Amino acid sequence: MNIKKSVLFILLILIIDQWSKIYIKTHFVLGESVEVFNWFKILFIENEGAAWGAKLSDVLPISDNIGKLVLTVFRLFAIFGIGYWLFDVIKKKASNTLIWAVSLIFAGALGNILDSVFYGAIFNESYNEVATLFSDEPYGKLFYGKVVDMLYFPMVDSTWPSWMPMVGGQNFRFFEPVFNIADTAISTGVGILLVFNKRAFNKEEEAAVEANETLQDQEVLKE
């Protein structure tokens, strides 16, 4: 897989991700949902923090705004790191499995960072109203955007039996997290690396072995 195919693949994911987010943002009120199937809903929420809605301000003595800025800056550094990793594995002609996986992770990370960097400066709030793209009254500014999530799969929505200690009678729901296309790309890429680890890193290991053997041969010749 060459860099051209990787870039086209990343662009395709970004287009789908950003189109879905902009559509939801400009057609749904925050908290609004549409049932597609009884186990799948489109539910519009916004995530101000990291995965699962966690915030730095929840664990560190800093304000929500500072925590949001730190998280966005961290994501930017991560993007550059993943981008370099992708360029490196393509340059070294690593296995297609590894390149596809890293491309997915990069596309997903970039999709969410676009929300974090720009959405606060181009959308107004979605509370009790549908947001407007390029609003004259944006809800924030650059680097303070919220990530748009909408994919919700409550495959099991039931109640714990009353006889169970601690949780009896309480609501039980699986799968509860709400996510987006970018999150799906990241999870898929990581999943590929975990499940197909040997296949992903096979060529890279072979190239490293060959390079090491070549270096040893050159040292022997010098002697």
N, C-alpha and C. Protein backbone atom coordinates (compact mmCIF):
# COMPACT_ATOMS: atom_id res chain seq x y z
N MET A 1 0.85 -1.20 0.00
CA MET A 1 0.00 0.00 0.00
C MET A 1 0.88 1.24 0.00
N ASN A 2 0.66 2.13 -0.98
CA ASN A 2 1.47 3.34 -1.06
C ASN A 2 0.81 4.51 -0.35
N ILE A 3 1.53 5.62 -0.31
CA ILE A 3 1.04 6.78 0.43
C ILE A 3 -0.20 7.40 -0.22
N LYS A 4 -0.30 7.30 -1.55
CA LYS A 4 -1.47 7.85 -2.24
C LYS A 4 -2.75 7.14 -1.81
N LYS A 5 -2.70 5.81 -1.78
CA LYS A 5 -3.88 5.04 -1.36
C LYS A 5 -4.21 5.31 0.09
N SER A 6 -3.19 5.44 0.93
CA SER A 6 -3.41 5.73 2.34
C SER A 6 -4.10 7.08 2.52
N VAL A 7 -3.62 8.09 1.80
CA VAL A 7 -4.21 9.44 1.90
C VAL A 7 -5.66 9.43 1.44
N LEU A 8 -5.94 8.74 0.33
CA LEU A 8 -7.32 8.66 -0.18
C LEU A 8 -8.23 7.95 0.82
N PHE A 9 -7.71 6.90 1.44
CA PHE A 9 -8.47 6.16 2.44
C PHE A 9 -8.78 7.05 3.65
N ILE A 10 -7.78 7.80 4.10
CA ILE A 10 -7.95 8.72 5.23
C ILE A 10 -8.96 9.80 4.90
N LEU A 11 -8.86 10.36 3.69
CA LEU A 11 -9.79 11.41 3.27
C LEU A 11 -11.23 10.89 3.22
N LEU A 12 -11.40 9.65 2.77
CA LEU A 12 -12.74 9.06 2.71
C LEU A 12 -13.35 8.96 4.11
N ILE A 13 -12.55 8.48 5.06
CA ILE A 13 -13.03 8.38 6.44
C ILE A 13 -13.35 9.76 7.01
N LEU A 14 -12.48 10.73 6.74
CA LEU A 14 -12.69 12.08 7.25
C LEU A 14 -13.96 12.70 6.68
N ILE A 15 -14.21 12.49 5.40
CA ILE A 15 -15.41 13.04 4.77
C ILE A 15 -16.66 12.45 5.39
N ILE A 16 -16.68 11.12 5.55
CA ILE A 16 -17.84 10.47 6.16
C ILE A 16 -18.03 10.94 7.60
N ASP A 17 -16.92 11.00 8.34
CA ASP A 17 -16.97 11.42 9.75
C ASP A 17 -17.49 12.85 9.88
N GLN A 18 -16.88 13.76 9.14
CA GLN A 18 -17.26 15.17 9.28
C GLN A 18 -18.66 15.44 8.71
N TRP A 19 -19.02 14.76 7.63
CA TRP A 19 -20.38 14.94 7.10
C TRP A 19 -21.40 14.51 8.13
N SER A 20 -21.18 13.35 8.76
CA SER A 20 -22.14 12.85 9.74
C SER A 20 -22.25 13.79 10.94
N LYS A 21 -21.13 14.34 11.38
CA LYS A 21 -21.14 15.25 12.53
C LYS A 21 -21.82 16.57 12.19
N ILE A 22 -21.50 17.12 11.05
CA ILE A 22 -22.12 18.39 10.65
C ILE A 22 -23.62 18.21 10.43
N TYR A 23 -24.00 17.08 9.83
CA TYR A 23 -25.43 16.82 9.62
C TYR A 23 -26.16 16.75 10.96
N ILE A 24 -25.62 15.97 11.90
CA ILE A 24 -26.25 15.84 13.21
C ILE A 24 -26.31 17.19 13.91
N LYS A 25 -25.21 17.91 13.87
CA LYS A 25 -25.14 19.21 14.56
C LYS A 25 -26.14 20.21 14.00
N THR A 26 -26.40 20.15 12.69
CA THR A 26 -27.29 21.13 12.05
C THR A 26 -28.71 20.62 11.86
N HIS A 27 -29.02 19.43 12.37
CA HIS A 27 -30.38 18.89 12.23
C HIS A 27 -30.97 18.37 13.54
N PHE A 28 -30.13 18.22 14.57
CA PHE A 28 -30.59 17.68 15.85
C PHE A 28 -30.36 18.68 16.97
N VAL A 29 -31.27 18.69 17.92
CA VAL A 29 -31.06 19.41 19.17
C VAL A 29 -30.30 18.49 20.12
N LEU A 30 -29.44 19.05 20.95
CA LEU A 30 -28.66 18.24 21.87
C LEU A 30 -29.56 17.33 22.70
N GLY A 31 -29.27 16.04 22.70
CA GLY A 31 -30.07 15.07 23.44
C GLY A 31 -31.17 14.42 22.61
N GLU A 32 -31.41 14.93 21.40
CA GLU A 32 -32.44 14.36 20.54
C GLU A 32 -31.97 13.02 19.98
N SER A 33 -32.91 12.10 19.84
CA SER A 33 -32.55 10.78 19.31
C SER A 33 -33.60 10.29 18.33
N VAL A 34 -33.16 9.39 17.44
CA VAL A 34 -34.03 8.75 16.47
C VAL A 34 -33.75 7.26 16.54
N GLU A 35 -34.79 6.46 16.71
CA GLU A 35 -34.60 5.02 16.77
C GLU A 35 -34.58 4.42 15.38
N VAL A 36 -33.45 3.81 15.01
CA VAL A 36 -33.32 3.15 13.72
C VAL A 36 -33.80 1.70 13.86
N PHE A 37 -33.28 1.01 14.86
CA PHE A 37 -33.76 -0.31 15.27
C PHE A 37 -33.89 -0.28 16.79
N ASN A 38 -34.49 -1.29 17.37
CA ASN A 38 -34.61 -1.27 18.82
C ASN A 38 -33.26 -1.41 19.52
N TRP A 39 -32.22 -1.83 18.77
CA TRP A 39 -30.89 -1.97 19.32
C TRP A 39 -29.91 -0.92 18.79
N PHE A 40 -30.40 0.02 17.97
CA PHE A 40 -29.54 1.06 17.40
C PHE A 40 -30.30 2.37 17.30
N LYS A 41 -29.70 3.43 17.87
CA LYS A 41 -30.31 4.76 17.82
C LYS A 41 -29.28 5.80 17.38
N ILE A 42 -29.78 6.85 16.78
CA ILE A 42 -28.96 8.04 16.54
C ILE A 42 -29.26 8.99 17.69
N LEU A 43 -28.28 9.21 18.53
CA LEU A 43 -28.45 10.05 19.72
C LEU A 43 -27.37 11.12 19.72
N PHE A 44 -27.78 12.39 19.68
CA PHE A 44 -26.83 13.49 19.60
C PHE A 44 -26.37 13.92 20.99
N ILE A 45 -25.08 13.71 21.25
CA ILE A 45 -24.47 14.24 22.46
C ILE A 45 -23.15 14.91 22.06
N GLU A 46 -22.60 15.67 22.98
CA GLU A 46 -21.30 16.31 22.75
C GLU A 46 -20.36 15.94 23.87
N ASN A 47 -19.14 15.63 23.50
CA ASN A 47 -18.13 15.20 24.45
C ASN A 47 -17.08 16.28 24.60
N GLU A 48 -16.98 16.84 25.81
CA GLU A 48 -16.00 17.91 26.06
C GLU A 48 -14.66 17.37 26.50
N GLY A 49 -14.61 16.08 26.84
CA GLY A 49 -13.37 15.52 27.37
C GLY A 49 -12.76 14.47 26.49
N ALA A 50 -12.17 13.49 27.14
CA ALA A 50 -11.50 12.39 26.42
C ALA A 50 -12.49 11.25 26.26
N ALA A 51 -11.97 10.03 26.18
CA ALA A 51 -12.83 8.86 26.01
C ALA A 51 -13.80 8.73 27.18
N TRP A 52 -15.04 8.33 26.87
CA TRP A 52 -16.10 8.13 27.85
C TRP A 52 -16.46 9.43 28.57
N GLY A 53 -16.10 10.59 27.98
CA GLY A 53 -16.48 11.87 28.56
C GLY A 53 -15.62 12.30 29.73
N ALA A 54 -14.51 11.60 30.00
CA ALA A 54 -13.64 11.95 31.12
C ALA A 54 -12.99 13.31 30.88
N LYS A 55 -12.81 14.08 31.97
CA LYS A 55 -12.19 15.39 31.88
C LYS A 55 -10.95 15.43 32.74
N LEU A 56 -9.94 16.20 32.31
CA LEU A 56 -8.74 16.37 33.11
C LEU A 56 -9.06 17.06 34.42
N SER A 57 -10.06 17.95 34.38
CA SER A 57 -10.43 18.69 35.58
C SER A 57 -11.04 17.79 36.64
N ASP A 58 -11.44 16.57 36.24
CA ASP A 58 -11.98 15.63 37.21
C ASP A 58 -10.89 15.01 38.07
N VAL A 59 -9.65 15.00 37.56
CA VAL A 59 -8.55 14.37 38.29
C VAL A 59 -7.43 15.34 38.66
N LEU A 60 -7.44 16.53 38.05
CA LEU A 60 -6.42 17.53 38.34
C LEU A 60 -7.07 18.82 38.82
N PRO A 61 -6.38 19.56 39.69
CA PRO A 61 -6.95 20.82 40.21
C PRO A 61 -6.85 21.97 39.19
N ILE A 62 -7.53 21.80 38.06
CA ILE A 62 -7.53 22.83 37.02
C ILE A 62 -8.96 23.07 36.57
N SER A 63 -9.20 24.19 35.90
CA SER A 63 -10.54 24.52 35.43
C SER A 63 -10.89 23.68 34.21
N ASP A 64 -12.18 23.63 33.89
CA ASP A 64 -12.62 22.87 32.71
C ASP A 64 -12.00 23.44 31.44
N ASN A 65 -11.89 24.77 31.35
CA ASN A 65 -11.33 25.40 30.15
C ASN A 65 -9.87 25.04 29.95
N ILE A 66 -9.10 25.09 31.04
CA ILE A 66 -7.68 24.74 30.94
C ILE A 66 -7.53 23.26 30.60
N GLY A 67 -8.36 22.43 31.24
CA GLY A 67 -8.32 21.00 30.96
C GLY A 67 -8.63 20.71 29.51
N LYS A 68 -9.62 21.42 28.95
CA LYS A 68 -9.99 21.25 27.55
C LYS A 68 -8.85 21.66 26.63
N LEU A 69 -8.20 22.78 26.94
CA LEU A 69 -7.09 23.26 26.11
C LEU A 69 -5.92 22.27 26.16
N VAL A 70 -5.59 21.79 27.34
CA VAL A 70 -4.49 20.82 27.49
C VAL A 70 -4.79 19.56 26.69
N LEU A 71 -6.03 19.09 26.76
CA LEU A 71 -6.41 17.87 26.04
C LEU A 71 -6.30 18.08 24.53
N THR A 72 -6.75 19.23 24.05
CA THR A 72 -6.68 19.51 22.61
C THR A 72 -5.23 19.58 22.13
N VAL A 73 -4.38 20.25 22.91
CA VAL A 73 -2.96 20.36 22.54
C VAL A 73 -2.32 18.98 22.55
N PHE A 74 -2.66 18.16 23.54
CA PHE A 74 -2.14 16.79 23.59
C PHE A 74 -2.55 16.01 22.35
N ARG A 75 -3.81 16.16 21.94
CA ARG A 75 -4.30 15.47 20.75
C ARG A 75 -3.54 15.92 19.50
N LEU A 76 -3.19 17.20 19.44
CA LEU A 76 -2.44 17.70 18.29
C LEU A 76 -1.05 17.04 18.22
N PHE A 77 -0.38 16.95 19.36
CA PHE A 77 0.91 16.28 19.40
C PHE A 77 0.77 14.81 19.01
N ALA A 78 -0.31 14.18 19.49
CA ALA A 78 -0.55 12.78 19.16
C ALA A 78 -0.74 12.60 17.66
N ILE A 79 -1.45 13.55 17.04
CA ILE A 79 -1.68 13.49 15.59
C ILE A 79 -0.36 13.50 14.84
N PHE A 80 0.55 14.39 15.24
CA PHE A 80 1.85 14.46 14.57
C PHE A 80 2.63 13.16 14.77
N GLY A 81 2.53 12.59 15.97
CA GLY A 81 3.22 11.34 16.24
C GLY A 81 2.67 10.19 15.40
N ILE A 82 1.34 10.09 15.32
CA ILE A 82 0.73 9.03 14.52
C ILE A 82 1.01 9.25 13.04
N GLY A 83 0.99 10.51 12.62
CA GLY A 83 1.28 10.83 11.22
C GLY A 83 2.70 10.42 10.84
N TYR A 84 3.64 10.68 11.74
CA TYR A 84 5.03 10.26 11.48
C TYR A 84 5.13 8.75 11.42
N TRP A 85 4.43 8.07 12.32
CA TRP A 85 4.41 6.60 12.34
C TRP A 85 3.88 6.06 11.02
N LEU A 86 2.79 6.65 10.54
CA LEU A 86 2.21 6.21 9.26
C LEU A 86 3.18 6.43 8.11
N PHE A 87 3.79 7.60 8.05
CA PHE A 87 4.76 7.90 6.98
C PHE A 87 5.93 6.91 7.04
N ASP A 88 6.36 6.60 8.27
CA ASP A 88 7.50 5.72 8.45
C ASP A 88 7.20 4.29 7.98
N VAL A 89 6.01 3.76 8.34
CA VAL A 89 5.71 2.38 7.95
C VAL A 89 5.48 2.27 6.44
N ILE A 90 4.96 3.34 5.83
CA ILE A 90 4.80 3.32 4.36
C ILE A 90 6.16 3.39 3.68
N LYS A 91 7.02 4.25 4.20
CA LYS A 91 8.36 4.40 3.64
C LYS A 91 9.14 3.10 3.73
N LYS A 92 8.97 2.38 4.84
CA LYS A 92 9.68 1.12 5.04
C LYS A 92 8.98 -0.06 4.36
N LYS A 93 7.87 0.22 3.67
CA LYS A 93 7.10 -0.80 2.97
C LYS A 93 6.70 -1.93 3.92
N ALA A 94 6.11 -1.53 5.04
CA ALA A 94 5.62 -2.50 6.02
C ALA A 94 4.42 -3.24 5.46
N SER A 95 3.91 -4.19 6.19
CA SER A 95 2.77 -4.98 5.72
C SER A 95 1.54 -4.09 5.51
N ASN A 96 0.71 -4.48 4.55
CA ASN A 96 -0.52 -3.73 4.30
C ASN A 96 -1.43 -3.71 5.52
N THR A 97 -1.41 -4.78 6.30
CA THR A 97 -2.23 -4.84 7.51
C THR A 97 -1.84 -3.72 8.46
N LEU A 98 -0.55 -3.51 8.66
CA LEU A 98 -0.09 -2.46 9.55
C LEU A 98 -0.43 -1.08 9.00
N ILE A 99 -0.25 -0.89 7.70
CA ILE A 99 -0.52 0.42 7.10
C ILE A 99 -2.01 0.75 7.17
N TRP A 100 -2.88 -0.24 6.90
CA TRP A 100 -4.32 -0.01 7.02
C TRP A 100 -4.68 0.36 8.45
N ALA A 101 -4.12 -0.36 9.40
CA ALA A 101 -4.44 -0.11 10.81
C ALA A 101 -4.02 1.28 11.24
N VAL A 102 -2.80 1.67 10.91
CA VAL A 102 -2.31 2.99 11.30
C VAL A 102 -3.08 4.10 10.57
N SER A 103 -3.46 3.84 9.32
CA SER A 103 -4.26 4.81 8.57
C SER A 103 -5.61 5.04 9.25
N LEU A 104 -6.22 3.96 9.72
CA LEU A 104 -7.50 4.06 10.44
C LEU A 104 -7.34 4.87 11.72
N ILE A 105 -6.29 4.58 12.48
CA ILE A 105 -6.05 5.30 13.74
C ILE A 105 -5.81 6.77 13.47
N PHE A 106 -5.00 7.07 12.44
CA PHE A 106 -4.70 8.46 12.11
C PHE A 106 -5.96 9.21 11.67
N ALA A 107 -6.76 8.58 10.80
CA ALA A 107 -7.98 9.21 10.31
C ALA A 107 -8.95 9.50 11.45
N GLY A 108 -9.10 8.53 12.36
CA GLY A 108 -10.00 8.72 13.49
C GLY A 108 -9.53 9.82 14.41
N ALA A 109 -8.25 9.82 14.73
CA ALA A 109 -7.70 10.85 15.61
C ALA A 109 -7.83 12.23 14.99
N LEU A 110 -7.57 12.32 13.68
CA LEU A 110 -7.69 13.60 12.99
C LEU A 110 -9.15 14.06 12.93
N GLY A 111 -10.06 13.12 12.73
CA GLY A 111 -11.48 13.47 12.70
C GLY A 111 -11.94 14.11 13.99
N ASN A 112 -11.53 13.57 15.13
CA ASN A 112 -11.94 14.12 16.41
C ASN A 112 -11.21 15.43 16.75
N ILE A 113 -9.97 15.55 16.30
CA ILE A 113 -9.24 16.78 16.60
C ILE A 113 -9.82 17.95 15.83
N LEU A 114 -10.40 17.69 14.65
CA LEU A 114 -11.06 18.77 13.91
C LEU A 114 -12.22 19.35 14.72
N ASP A 115 -12.97 18.48 15.40
CA ASP A 115 -14.05 18.96 16.28
C ASP A 115 -13.48 19.81 17.40
N SER A 116 -12.44 19.29 18.06
CA SER A 116 -11.87 19.97 19.22
C SER A 116 -11.28 21.33 18.86
N VAL A 117 -10.67 21.42 17.70
CA VAL A 117 -10.01 22.67 17.31
C VAL A 117 -10.99 23.68 16.73
N PHE A 118 -11.89 23.25 15.84
CA PHE A 118 -12.68 24.20 15.06
C PHE A 118 -14.15 24.36 15.46
N TYR A 119 -14.78 23.32 15.99
CA TYR A 119 -16.23 23.38 16.16
C TYR A 119 -16.69 24.49 17.10
N GLY A 120 -15.89 24.79 18.12
CA GLY A 120 -16.26 25.86 19.04
C GLY A 120 -16.31 27.22 18.38
N ALA A 121 -15.56 27.38 17.28
CA ALA A 121 -15.48 28.67 16.60
C ALA A 121 -16.44 28.80 15.43
N ILE A 122 -17.09 27.70 15.02
CA ILE A 122 -17.95 27.78 13.83
C ILE A 122 -19.41 27.40 14.10
N PHE A 123 -19.69 26.82 15.28
CA PHE A 123 -21.07 26.45 15.61
C PHE A 123 -21.55 27.21 16.83
N ASN A 124 -22.84 27.52 16.88
CA ASN A 124 -23.43 28.01 18.11
C ASN A 124 -23.90 26.82 18.95
N GLU A 125 -24.41 27.08 20.14
CA GLU A 125 -24.84 26.03 21.04
C GLU A 125 -26.01 25.23 20.45
N SER A 126 -26.13 23.98 20.93
CA SER A 126 -27.21 23.10 20.47
C SER A 126 -28.28 22.89 21.53
N TYR A 127 -28.18 23.62 22.63
CA TYR A 127 -29.19 23.49 23.69
C TYR A 127 -30.52 24.10 23.23
N ASN A 128 -31.54 23.25 23.17
CA ASN A 128 -32.91 23.69 22.83
C ASN A 128 -33.03 24.33 21.45
N GLU A 129 -32.03 24.17 20.62
CA GLU A 129 -32.09 24.69 19.26
C GLU A 129 -31.12 23.94 18.36
N VAL A 130 -31.40 23.95 17.07
CA VAL A 130 -30.50 23.34 16.11
C VAL A 130 -29.38 24.32 15.80
N ALA A 131 -28.16 23.87 15.85
CA ALA A 131 -27.01 24.75 15.65
C ALA A 131 -26.88 25.19 14.20
N THR A 132 -26.18 26.29 14.00
CA THR A 132 -25.94 26.84 12.67
C THR A 132 -24.46 26.78 12.36
N LEU A 133 -24.13 26.31 11.17
CA LEU A 133 -22.73 26.28 10.73
C LEU A 133 -22.26 27.68 10.42
N PHE A 134 -21.06 28.04 10.85
CA PHE A 134 -20.49 29.38 10.69
C PHE A 134 -21.40 30.42 11.32
N SER A 135 -21.78 30.14 12.55
CA SER A 135 -22.67 31.03 13.30
C SER A 135 -21.97 32.33 13.68
N ASP A 136 -22.77 33.40 13.79
CA ASP A 136 -22.24 34.69 14.24
C ASP A 136 -22.02 34.69 15.75
N GLU A 137 -22.59 33.71 16.43
CA GLU A 137 -22.45 33.61 17.89
C GLU A 137 -21.97 32.20 18.26
N PRO A 138 -20.73 31.88 17.95
CA PRO A 138 -20.21 30.54 18.25
C PRO A 138 -20.17 30.28 19.75
N TYR A 139 -20.27 29.01 20.12
CA TYR A 139 -20.31 28.67 21.54
C TYR A 139 -18.95 28.71 22.22
N GLY A 140 -17.88 28.82 21.45
CA GLY A 140 -16.55 28.85 22.03
C GLY A 140 -15.58 29.55 21.11
N LYS A 141 -14.37 29.03 21.07
CA LYS A 141 -13.34 29.57 20.18
C LYS A 141 -12.42 28.44 19.77
N LEU A 142 -11.42 28.78 18.99
CA LEU A 142 -10.48 27.76 18.52
C LEU A 142 -9.88 27.00 19.70
N PHE A 143 -9.75 25.70 19.55
CA PHE A 143 -9.17 24.78 20.54
C PHE A 143 -10.13 24.44 21.69
N TYR A 144 -11.36 24.95 21.64
CA TYR A 144 -12.30 24.68 22.72
C TYR A 144 -13.58 24.02 22.21
N GLY A 145 -13.50 23.33 21.09
CA GLY A 145 -14.67 22.67 20.54
C GLY A 145 -15.02 21.38 21.25
N LYS A 146 -16.26 20.95 21.08
CA LYS A 146 -16.75 19.69 21.66
C LYS A 146 -16.88 18.65 20.54
N VAL A 147 -16.53 17.43 20.84
CA VAL A 147 -16.60 16.34 19.87
C VAL A 147 -18.05 15.86 19.77
N VAL A 148 -18.54 15.75 18.55
CA VAL A 148 -19.92 15.32 18.30
C VAL A 148 -19.98 13.79 18.24
N ASP A 149 -20.86 13.21 19.04
CA ASP A 149 -21.09 11.76 19.04
C ASP A 149 -22.56 11.49 18.71
N MET A 150 -22.83 10.34 18.07
CA MET A 150 -24.22 10.08 17.68
C MET A 150 -24.58 8.60 17.54
N LEU A 151 -23.62 7.70 17.51
CA LEU A 151 -23.92 6.28 17.29
C LEU A 151 -24.14 5.59 18.64
N TYR A 152 -25.32 5.05 18.82
CA TYR A 152 -25.70 4.48 20.11
C TYR A 152 -26.32 3.11 19.91
N PHE A 153 -25.75 2.10 20.56
CA PHE A 153 -26.20 0.72 20.39
C PHE A 153 -26.63 0.10 21.74
N PRO A 154 -27.79 0.47 22.24
CA PRO A 154 -28.29 -0.14 23.49
C PRO A 154 -28.86 -1.52 23.21
N MET A 155 -27.98 -2.46 22.89
CA MET A 155 -28.43 -3.78 22.45
C MET A 155 -29.21 -4.52 23.52
N VAL A 156 -28.90 -4.24 24.79
CA VAL A 156 -29.66 -4.82 25.90
C VAL A 156 -30.07 -3.67 26.81
N ASP A 157 -31.35 -3.48 26.99
CA ASP A 157 -31.87 -2.44 27.88
C ASP A 157 -32.90 -3.08 28.79
N SER A 158 -32.47 -3.45 29.99
CA SER A 158 -33.33 -4.22 30.87
C SER A 158 -33.14 -3.77 32.32
N THR A 159 -33.60 -4.58 33.24
CA THR A 159 -33.51 -4.28 34.67
C THR A 159 -32.93 -5.48 35.40
N TRP A 160 -32.01 -5.21 36.33
CA TRP A 160 -31.45 -6.29 37.12
C TRP A 160 -32.55 -6.94 37.96
N PRO A 161 -32.54 -8.27 38.11
CA PRO A 161 -33.52 -8.95 38.97
C PRO A 161 -33.51 -8.37 40.38
N SER A 162 -34.67 -8.26 40.99
CA SER A 162 -34.79 -7.64 42.31
C SER A 162 -34.03 -8.39 43.40
N TRP A 163 -33.81 -9.71 43.19
CA TRP A 163 -33.14 -10.50 44.22
C TRP A 163 -31.62 -10.30 44.23
N MET A 164 -31.07 -9.62 43.22
CA MET A 164 -29.62 -9.42 43.17
C MET A 164 -29.19 -8.33 44.14
N PRO A 165 -28.18 -8.59 44.97
CA PRO A 165 -27.72 -7.58 45.93
C PRO A 165 -27.08 -6.38 45.21
N MET A 166 -27.19 -5.24 45.81
CA MET A 166 -26.58 -3.99 45.35
C MET A 166 -27.25 -3.40 44.11
N VAL A 167 -27.50 -4.20 43.08
CA VAL A 167 -27.99 -3.66 41.81
C VAL A 167 -29.43 -4.07 41.50
N GLY A 168 -30.05 -4.88 42.39
CA GLY A 168 -31.41 -5.36 42.13
C GLY A 168 -32.40 -4.24 41.87
N GLY A 169 -33.14 -4.36 40.76
CA GLY A 169 -34.14 -3.36 40.40
C GLY A 169 -33.61 -2.19 39.61
N GLN A 170 -32.29 -2.08 39.50
CA GLN A 170 -31.69 -0.97 38.76
C GLN A 170 -31.64 -1.28 37.27
N ASN A 171 -31.58 -0.21 36.48
CA ASN A 171 -31.53 -0.37 35.03
C ASN A 171 -30.18 -0.93 34.59
N PHE A 172 -30.21 -1.83 33.61
CA PHE A 172 -28.99 -2.39 33.04
C PHE A 172 -29.02 -2.19 31.53
N ARG A 173 -27.95 -1.60 31.00
CA ARG A 173 -27.93 -1.32 29.58
C ARG A 173 -26.58 -1.70 28.99
N PHE A 174 -26.63 -2.42 27.87
CA PHE A 174 -25.42 -2.81 27.15
C PHE A 174 -25.73 -2.72 25.64
N PHE A 175 -25.05 -1.99 24.93
CA PHE A 175 -23.79 -1.30 25.06
C PHE A 175 -24.10 0.19 25.24
N GLU A 176 -23.60 0.86 26.27
CA GLU A 176 -24.06 2.20 26.61
C GLU A 176 -23.30 3.36 25.98
N PRO A 177 -22.00 3.25 25.70
CA PRO A 177 -21.28 4.40 25.15
C PRO A 177 -21.86 4.91 23.83
N VAL A 178 -21.80 6.23 23.64
CA VAL A 178 -22.20 6.88 22.39
C VAL A 178 -20.91 7.34 21.71
N PHE A 179 -20.76 7.04 20.43
CA PHE A 179 -19.50 7.32 19.74
C PHE A 179 -19.77 7.84 18.34
N ASN A 180 -18.71 7.98 17.54
CA ASN A 180 -18.85 8.51 16.18
C ASN A 180 -18.00 7.70 15.21
N ILE A 181 -17.98 8.11 13.96
CA ILE A 181 -17.23 7.38 12.92
C ILE A 181 -15.73 7.40 13.22
N ALA A 182 -15.23 8.54 13.70
CA ALA A 182 -13.81 8.64 14.02
C ALA A 182 -13.43 7.66 15.12
N ASP A 183 -14.26 7.56 16.16
CA ASP A 183 -14.00 6.60 17.23
C ASP A 183 -13.98 5.17 16.69
N THR A 184 -14.91 4.90 15.77
CA THR A 184 -14.98 3.56 15.16
C THR A 184 -13.70 3.25 14.40
N ALA A 185 -13.18 4.24 13.68
CA ALA A 185 -11.94 4.04 12.92
C ALA A 185 -10.77 3.73 13.86
N ILE A 186 -10.68 4.50 14.95
CA ILE A 186 -9.59 4.27 15.91
C ILE A 186 -9.70 2.88 16.52
N SER A 187 -10.89 2.53 16.98
CA SER A 187 -11.10 1.21 17.61
C SER A 187 -10.80 0.07 16.64
N THR A 188 -11.22 0.25 15.38
CA THR A 188 -10.96 -0.78 14.37
C THR A 188 -9.47 -0.94 14.12
N GLY A 189 -8.77 0.20 14.00
CA GLY A 189 -7.32 0.15 13.78
C GLY A 189 -6.60 -0.53 14.92
N VAL A 190 -6.95 -0.18 16.16
CA VAL A 190 -6.33 -0.80 17.33
C VAL A 190 -6.68 -2.29 17.37
N GLY A 191 -7.94 -2.62 17.05
CA GLY A 191 -8.36 -4.01 17.04
C GLY A 191 -7.57 -4.84 16.04
N ILE A 192 -7.32 -4.27 14.87
CA ILE A 192 -6.52 -4.98 13.85
C ILE A 192 -5.11 -5.26 14.38
N LEU A 193 -4.51 -4.28 15.05
CA LEU A 193 -3.17 -4.47 15.58
C LEU A 193 -3.13 -5.54 16.66
N LEU A 194 -4.20 -5.61 17.45
CA LEU A 194 -4.24 -6.61 18.52
C LEU A 194 -4.51 -8.02 17.99
N VAL A 195 -5.48 -8.12 17.08
CA VAL A 195 -5.89 -9.44 16.59
C VAL A 195 -4.91 -9.99 15.56
N PHE A 196 -4.43 -9.11 14.67
CA PHE A 196 -3.53 -9.56 13.60
C PHE A 196 -2.11 -9.04 13.83
N ASN A 197 -1.67 -9.11 15.06
CA ASN A 197 -0.38 -8.54 15.45
C ASN A 197 0.78 -9.11 14.64
N LYS A 198 0.84 -10.43 14.52
CA LYS A 198 1.95 -11.07 13.80
C LYS A 198 1.94 -10.70 12.33
N ARG A 199 0.75 -10.69 11.74
CA ARG A 199 0.65 -10.34 10.33
C ARG A 199 1.00 -8.87 10.10
N ALA A 200 0.61 -8.01 11.03
CA ALA A 200 0.86 -6.57 10.89
C ALA A 200 2.34 -6.24 10.93
N PHE A 201 3.06 -6.89 11.85
CA PHE A 201 4.46 -6.52 12.06
C PHE A 201 5.44 -7.49 11.42
N ASN A 202 4.95 -8.43 10.63
CA ASN A 202 5.81 -9.43 10.03
C ASN A 202 6.86 -8.82 9.12
N LYS A 203 6.41 -8.00 8.15
CA LYS A 203 7.35 -7.41 7.20
C LYS A 203 8.31 -6.47 7.89
N GLU A 204 7.80 -5.74 8.87
CA GLU A 204 8.65 -4.79 9.57
C GLU A 204 9.78 -5.53 10.29
N GLU A 205 9.45 -6.67 10.91
CA GLU A 205 10.47 -7.45 11.60
C GLU A 205 11.48 -8.01 10.60
N GLU A 206 10.97 -8.49 9.46
CA GLU A 206 11.88 -9.05 8.44
C GLU A 206 12.83 -7.97 7.92
N ALA A 207 12.29 -6.78 7.70
CA ALA A 207 13.12 -5.68 7.21
C ALA A 207 14.20 -5.32 8.23
N ALA A 208 13.83 -5.35 9.51
CA ALA A 208 14.79 -5.02 10.56
C ALA A 208 15.90 -6.07 10.63
N VAL A 209 15.52 -7.35 10.47
CA VAL A 209 16.50 -8.43 10.48
C VAL A 209 17.45 -8.30 9.30
N GLU A 210 16.88 -8.04 8.12
CA GLU A 210 17.70 -7.89 6.93
C GLU A 210 18.66 -6.71 7.06
N ALA A 211 18.16 -5.60 7.61
CA ALA A 211 19.00 -4.42 7.79
C ALA A 211 20.14 -4.71 8.75
N ASN A 212 19.82 -5.46 9.81
CA ASN A 212 20.84 -5.81 10.80
C ASN A 212 21.89 -6.73 10.20
N GLU A 213 21.45 -7.70 9.39
CA GLU A 213 22.39 -8.62 8.74
C GLU A 213 23.29 -7.87 7.76
N THR A 214 22.69 -6.93 7.02
CA THR A 214 23.48 -6.13 6.07
C THR A 214 24.54 -5.33 6.79
N LEU A 215 24.15 -4.74 7.94
CA LEU A 215 25.08 -3.95 8.73
C LEU A 215 26.22 -4.82 9.25
N GLN A 216 25.90 -6.02 9.69
CA GLN A 216 26.93 -6.94 10.18
C GLN A 216 27.89 -7.34 9.05
N ASP A 217 27.33 -7.57 7.84
CA ASP A 217 28.18 -7.93 6.70
C ASP A 217 29.14 -6.80 6.36
N GLN A 218 28.62 -5.55 6.44
CA GLN A 218 29.48 -4.41 6.13
C GLN A 218 30.61 -4.27 7.15
N GLU A 219 30.29 -4.54 8.41
CA GLU A 219 31.32 -4.47 9.46
C GLU A 219 32.38 -5.54 9.25
N VAL A 220 31.94 -6.74 8.81
CA VAL A 220 32.88 -7.83 8.55
C VAL A 220 33.80 -7.46 7.41
N LEU A 221 33.25 -6.86 6.35
CA LEU A 221 34.05 -6.46 5.20
C LEU A 221 35.08 -5.40 5.57
N LYS A 222 34.68 -4.51 6.49
CA LYS A 222 35.59 -3.44 6.91
C LYS A 222 36.79 -4.04 7.64
N GLU A 223 36.48 -5.13 8.40
CA GLU A 223 37.56 -5.77 9.14
C GLU A 223 38.52 -6.49 8.19
